[in-house]
N, C-alpha and C. Protein backbone atom coordinates (compact mmCIF):
# COMPACT_ATOMS: atom_id res chain seq x y z
N MET A 1 7.51 31.63 -22.83
CA MET A 1 6.92 30.31 -22.90
C MET A 1 6.34 29.95 -21.54
N ALA A 2 5.18 29.34 -21.54
CA ALA A 2 4.52 28.95 -20.29
C ALA A 2 5.27 27.79 -19.63
N MET A 3 5.18 27.75 -18.33
CA MET A 3 5.82 26.71 -17.56
C MET A 3 5.02 25.41 -17.72
N SER A 4 5.70 24.28 -17.80
CA SER A 4 5.03 22.99 -17.93
C SER A 4 5.06 22.24 -16.60
N ARG A 5 4.29 21.18 -16.54
CA ARG A 5 4.26 20.31 -15.37
C ARG A 5 5.67 19.79 -15.08
N GLU A 6 6.38 19.42 -16.12
CA GLU A 6 7.75 18.90 -15.95
C GLU A 6 8.69 19.97 -15.40
N ASP A 7 8.49 21.23 -15.81
CA ASP A 7 9.31 22.33 -15.28
C ASP A 7 9.16 22.42 -13.76
N VAL A 8 7.92 22.32 -13.29
CA VAL A 8 7.66 22.42 -11.85
C VAL A 8 8.33 21.26 -11.12
N ILE A 9 8.14 20.05 -11.63
CA ILE A 9 8.72 18.87 -10.99
C ILE A 9 10.24 18.97 -10.92
N TRP A 10 10.87 19.34 -12.03
CA TRP A 10 12.34 19.43 -12.05
C TRP A 10 12.85 20.54 -11.15
N ALA A 11 12.15 21.66 -11.07
CA ALA A 11 12.58 22.73 -10.17
C ALA A 11 12.59 22.24 -8.73
N TYR A 12 11.55 21.53 -8.33
CA TYR A 12 11.51 20.98 -6.97
C TYR A 12 12.65 19.99 -6.76
N LYS A 13 12.87 19.11 -7.73
CA LYS A 13 13.93 18.10 -7.59
C LYS A 13 15.30 18.75 -7.51
N ILE A 14 15.57 19.70 -8.38
CA ILE A 14 16.89 20.32 -8.42
C ILE A 14 17.16 21.18 -7.20
N PHE A 15 16.20 22.02 -6.81
CA PHE A 15 16.46 23.00 -5.75
C PHE A 15 16.07 22.53 -4.35
N LEU A 16 15.12 21.59 -4.25
CA LEU A 16 14.71 21.12 -2.93
C LEU A 16 15.06 19.65 -2.70
N GLY A 17 15.49 18.97 -3.75
CA GLY A 17 15.88 17.58 -3.60
C GLY A 17 14.71 16.63 -3.42
N ARG A 18 13.54 17.06 -3.88
CA ARG A 18 12.35 16.21 -3.72
C ARG A 18 11.32 16.57 -4.78
N GLU A 19 10.30 15.74 -4.88
CA GLU A 19 9.20 16.02 -5.79
C GLU A 19 8.19 16.92 -5.09
N PRO A 20 7.34 17.62 -5.85
CA PRO A 20 6.28 18.41 -5.22
C PRO A 20 5.39 17.51 -4.35
N GLU A 21 4.78 18.09 -3.33
CA GLU A 21 3.97 17.35 -2.38
C GLU A 21 2.82 16.59 -3.03
N SER A 22 2.21 17.20 -4.05
CA SER A 22 1.00 16.62 -4.62
C SER A 22 0.74 17.20 -6.01
N GLU A 23 -0.21 16.60 -6.67
CA GLU A 23 -0.65 17.14 -7.96
C GLU A 23 -1.27 18.52 -7.78
N GLU A 24 -1.87 18.76 -6.62
CA GLU A 24 -2.46 20.07 -6.33
C GLU A 24 -1.38 21.14 -6.28
N THR A 25 -0.23 20.80 -5.71
CA THR A 25 0.90 21.74 -5.66
C THR A 25 1.36 22.09 -7.08
N ILE A 26 1.47 21.07 -7.92
CA ILE A 26 1.86 21.30 -9.31
C ILE A 26 0.83 22.19 -10.00
N ALA A 27 -0.45 21.87 -9.83
CA ALA A 27 -1.52 22.65 -10.46
C ALA A 27 -1.50 24.10 -9.96
N PHE A 28 -1.24 24.29 -8.67
CA PHE A 28 -1.17 25.64 -8.10
C PHE A 28 -0.05 26.44 -8.75
N GLN A 29 1.12 25.81 -8.88
CA GLN A 29 2.26 26.50 -9.48
C GLN A 29 1.97 26.85 -10.94
N LEU A 30 1.34 25.94 -11.66
CA LEU A 30 1.03 26.20 -13.06
C LEU A 30 0.00 27.32 -13.20
N ALA A 31 -0.99 27.34 -12.29
CA ALA A 31 -2.04 28.35 -12.34
C ALA A 31 -1.55 29.73 -11.91
N SER A 32 -0.40 29.77 -11.23
CA SER A 32 0.10 31.05 -10.71
C SER A 32 0.51 32.01 -11.83
N GLY A 33 0.80 31.46 -13.01
CA GLY A 33 1.22 32.31 -14.12
C GLY A 33 2.66 32.76 -14.05
N GLN A 34 3.42 32.17 -13.12
CA GLN A 34 4.83 32.52 -12.98
C GLN A 34 5.66 31.96 -14.13
N SER A 35 6.78 32.57 -14.35
CA SER A 35 7.75 32.04 -15.29
C SER A 35 8.61 31.01 -14.55
N ARG A 36 9.42 30.28 -15.28
CA ARG A 36 10.35 29.33 -14.65
C ARG A 36 11.27 30.06 -13.68
N LEU A 37 11.78 31.20 -14.11
CA LEU A 37 12.69 31.97 -13.26
C LEU A 37 11.99 32.41 -11.98
N GLU A 38 10.76 32.86 -12.09
CA GLU A 38 10.02 33.28 -10.89
C GLU A 38 9.80 32.11 -9.94
N LEU A 39 9.51 30.92 -10.48
CA LEU A 39 9.35 29.74 -9.62
C LEU A 39 10.66 29.43 -8.92
N ILE A 40 11.75 29.45 -9.65
CA ILE A 40 13.06 29.18 -9.05
C ILE A 40 13.37 30.19 -7.95
N MET A 41 13.10 31.45 -8.21
CA MET A 41 13.35 32.48 -7.20
C MET A 41 12.48 32.24 -5.96
N GLN A 42 11.22 31.86 -6.17
CA GLN A 42 10.31 31.58 -5.05
C GLN A 42 10.86 30.43 -4.22
N ILE A 43 11.30 29.37 -4.88
CA ILE A 43 11.86 28.23 -4.17
C ILE A 43 13.12 28.63 -3.40
N MET A 44 13.99 29.40 -4.04
CA MET A 44 15.25 29.79 -3.40
C MET A 44 15.05 30.74 -2.22
N GLU A 45 13.92 31.41 -2.17
CA GLU A 45 13.60 32.31 -1.06
C GLU A 45 12.83 31.60 0.05
N SER A 46 12.53 30.31 -0.14
CA SER A 46 11.72 29.58 0.84
C SER A 46 12.55 29.16 2.05
N ASP A 47 11.85 28.95 3.17
CA ASP A 47 12.50 28.47 4.38
C ASP A 47 13.09 27.08 4.16
N GLU A 48 12.39 26.25 3.40
CA GLU A 48 12.89 24.90 3.13
C GLU A 48 14.22 24.94 2.41
N PHE A 49 14.34 25.77 1.40
CA PHE A 49 15.60 25.89 0.66
C PHE A 49 16.70 26.38 1.59
N ALA A 50 16.41 27.39 2.39
CA ALA A 50 17.41 27.94 3.31
C ALA A 50 17.86 26.88 4.30
N TYR A 51 16.93 26.11 4.82
CA TYR A 51 17.26 25.05 5.79
C TYR A 51 18.15 24.00 5.16
N LYS A 52 17.85 23.62 3.92
CA LYS A 52 18.60 22.55 3.26
C LYS A 52 19.96 23.02 2.75
N HIS A 53 20.16 24.31 2.64
CA HIS A 53 21.40 24.83 2.06
C HIS A 53 22.16 25.75 3.00
N VAL A 54 21.98 25.54 4.29
CA VAL A 54 22.67 26.36 5.28
C VAL A 54 24.15 25.98 5.26
N VAL A 55 24.97 26.99 5.24
CA VAL A 55 26.41 26.78 5.32
C VAL A 55 26.79 26.80 6.79
N GLN A 56 27.35 25.71 7.25
CA GLN A 56 27.69 25.62 8.67
C GLN A 56 29.18 25.63 8.86
């Protein structure tokens, strides 16, 4: 099943604690052809995710 706009927004909220930067970011993610799992993996491999989830 193709990823929806809501899937992108919720992935950002759940894994980064924020909404996507812009509608362009959402459109880019939707146009990428990624699955939900691939988007989640991309987010979890990001510097932002690592910074927000560092175990100290």
